[in-house]
Amino acid sequence: MTSDGIGELIARVAMADRKAFRDLYNETSPKLFSICLRILKDRVEAEEALQEVYVKIWQRSKGFVAGQGAPSSWLASIARNQAIDTLRARKPVADELDTEYDLPDSGLDPEKQAVLSDEGRRIDTCMEELEADRAAAVRKAYVEGLSYQELADQFGVPLNTMRTWLRRSLLKLRECMER
């Protein structure tokens, strides 16, 4: 097919002509696939990149101006850029495996982990001694990070009441933890 013929197909694709899009694909996909394959050196990735190329062609066809360059060059640049983007998005396999199977390293020895775990259970036990709404307010303030005003609005109490709830609840928790 001539350059003018490809340009005409792109112009028809810009008008959402599906038959023209199919014809453009049939006419140009072998060349664009070879560009993707040459850059990516992986058939599956090249096929996926080619799909993205045609999505971009469909989306960008209105921006193609026939007099500014050869249609095949415009198509080739889309394919080349997509293949390069795919290449850049690759993660090295070794890095991927390393991060996938790494266990979190807390840096603590087993004894310190046991102490922290025991302390967490003690906090939970002490939280149960608080009234339910006070315990919920403490969790939302110190775990979820809600502000005093957000808590006051959520619990339907004045701002100073919320401050009092939190201060008294923290005092009770400290007393409980010191036992």
Foldseek 3Di string as FASTA:
>chain_A
DDLVLLLVLLVVLQVVDVVSLVVNCVVCVVVLLVLLCVLQVDNVLSVVLSVVLSVVSSVCSVVDDVVPDGPNVVSNVSSNVSSVVSVVPDDPPVVVVCVVPDDDDPVDDPVVVVVVVVLVVLLVVLLVVDDPLLSVLLCCCPVVNDDLVVSCVVVVHDSVVSVVSPVVSVVSSVVSSVD
